[in-house]
Amino acid sequence: MTEAGEQDGFFALPVGAFLDAMAAGTAAPASGSAAALTLGQAAALCAKTARLSARQVTADQAAELTADAERIRAKAAYLVDEDARAYRAVIAQSHSAA
């Protein structure tokens, strides 16, 4: 039996389903995935702000800020799922060592 989000990744889940997975009695997703999602949301807001600030800063500055925020957002999206995979591996290793 697979945990919710395992096949497509937790990042692909709708917000409500991700929250359900966080609240479930399973090892993952857990705090690392939650932290990565929070980082991704913050980066998305930074990208939005950079795009909307194009009149307050130069176009080059806005583009650079947007690109930086998008890189962070993409890495955070990856980490939502990577943390869950890594934590499951630790749990599996501890069970096999026992």
Protein backbone atom coordinates (compact mmCIF):
# COMPACT_ATOMS: atom_id res chain seq x y z
CA MET A 1 0.00 0.00 0.00
CA THR A 2 1.40 3.42 -0.91
CA GLU A 3 1.10 6.59 1.10
CA ALA A 4 -0.86 9.51 -0.30
CA GLY A 5 1.21 11.44 -2.81
CA GLU A 6 3.94 8.82 -3.09
CA GLN A 7 3.48 8.09 -6.79
CA ASP A 8 3.31 11.66 -8.12
CA GLY A 9 5.00 13.32 -5.17
CA PHE A 10 3.58 15.39 -2.39
CA PHE A 11 4.28 18.64 -4.22
CA ALA A 12 1.78 17.64 -6.92
CA LEU A 13 -1.04 17.29 -4.38
CA PRO A 14 -3.75 19.92 -3.96
CA VAL A 15 -3.28 21.94 -0.75
CA GLY A 16 -6.04 20.09 1.12
CA ALA A 17 -4.65 16.68 0.20
CA PHE A 18 -1.15 17.75 1.24
CA LEU A 19 -2.50 18.87 4.61
CA ASP A 20 -4.32 15.56 4.97
CA ALA A 21 -1.05 13.74 4.22
CA MET A 22 0.78 15.89 6.79
CA ALA A 23 -1.81 15.03 9.44
CA ALA A 24 -1.85 11.30 8.65
CA GLY A 25 -0.16 8.78 10.89
CA THR A 26 2.60 8.11 8.36
CA ALA A 27 6.30 8.90 8.46
CA ALA A 28 6.15 11.32 5.55
CA PRO A 29 5.54 14.02 4.72
CA ALA A 30 6.78 15.63 7.90
CA SER A 31 8.51 18.79 9.09
CA GLY A 32 11.13 18.93 6.33
CA SER A 33 8.48 18.78 3.62
CA ALA A 34 6.44 21.42 5.44
CA ALA A 35 9.49 23.69 5.70
CA ALA A 36 10.28 23.22 2.01
CA LEU A 37 6.70 24.05 1.07
CA THR A 38 6.84 27.20 3.21
CA LEU A 39 10.06 28.21 1.44
CA GLY A 40 8.43 27.55 -1.93
CA GLN A 41 5.48 29.73 -1.03
CA ALA A 42 7.77 32.53 0.11
CA ALA A 43 9.77 32.29 -3.11
CA ALA A 44 6.57 32.38 -5.17
CA LEU A 45 5.56 35.59 -3.39
CA CYS A 46 9.01 37.03 -4.08
CA ALA A 47 8.65 36.18 -7.77
CA LYS A 48 5.22 37.83 -7.85
CA THR A 49 6.58 40.93 -6.11
CA ALA A 50 9.51 41.14 -8.52
CA ARG A 51 7.17 40.93 -11.50
CA LEU A 52 4.86 43.58 -10.08
CA SER A 53 7.80 45.85 -9.19
CA ALA A 54 8.97 46.28 -12.74
CA ARG A 55 8.05 49.98 -12.63
CA GLN A 56 9.96 50.58 -9.38
CA VAL A 57 13.20 48.92 -10.46
CA THR A 58 14.89 48.47 -13.80
CA ALA A 59 13.68 45.72 -16.09
CA ASP A 60 17.02 43.93 -15.63
CA GLN A 61 16.69 44.07 -11.84
CA ALA A 62 13.12 42.79 -11.98
CA ALA A 63 14.15 39.96 -14.30
CA GLU A 64 17.09 39.01 -12.07
CA LEU A 65 14.96 39.04 -8.92
CA THR A 66 12.28 37.00 -10.65
CA ALA A 67 14.79 34.44 -11.91
CA ASP A 68 16.35 34.10 -8.45
CA ALA A 69 12.96 33.58 -6.83
CA GLU A 70 11.93 31.04 -9.47
CA ARG A 71 15.16 29.05 -8.93
CA ILE A 72 14.49 28.95 -5.19
CA ARG A 73 10.87 27.99 -5.77
CA ALA A 74 11.87 25.11 -8.05
CA LYS A 75 14.46 23.83 -5.57
CA ALA A 76 11.94 24.05 -2.73
CA ALA A 77 9.40 22.09 -4.78
CA TYR A 78 12.00 19.37 -5.27
CA LEU A 79 12.81 19.36 -1.55
CA VAL A 80 9.15 18.82 -0.57
CA ASP A 81 9.39 15.36 -2.09
CA GLU A 82 13.09 14.74 -1.53
CA ASP A 83 12.71 15.17 2.23
CA ALA A 84 9.94 12.58 2.28
CA ARG A 85 12.05 10.15 0.23
CA ALA A 86 15.10 10.67 2.45
CA TYR A 87 13.12 10.26 5.65
CA ARG A 88 11.52 7.05 4.39
CA ALA A 89 15.00 5.73 3.56
CA VAL A 90 16.19 6.46 7.10
CA ILE A 91 13.16 4.68 8.55
CA ALA A 92 13.67 1.69 6.26
CA GLN A 93 17.35 1.49 7.15
CA SER A 94 16.62 1.65 10.87
CA HIS A 95 14.06 -1.15 10.52
CA SER A 96 16.42 -3.34 8.53
CA ALA A 97 19.22 -2.77 11.06
CA ALA A 98 17.02 -3.75 13.97
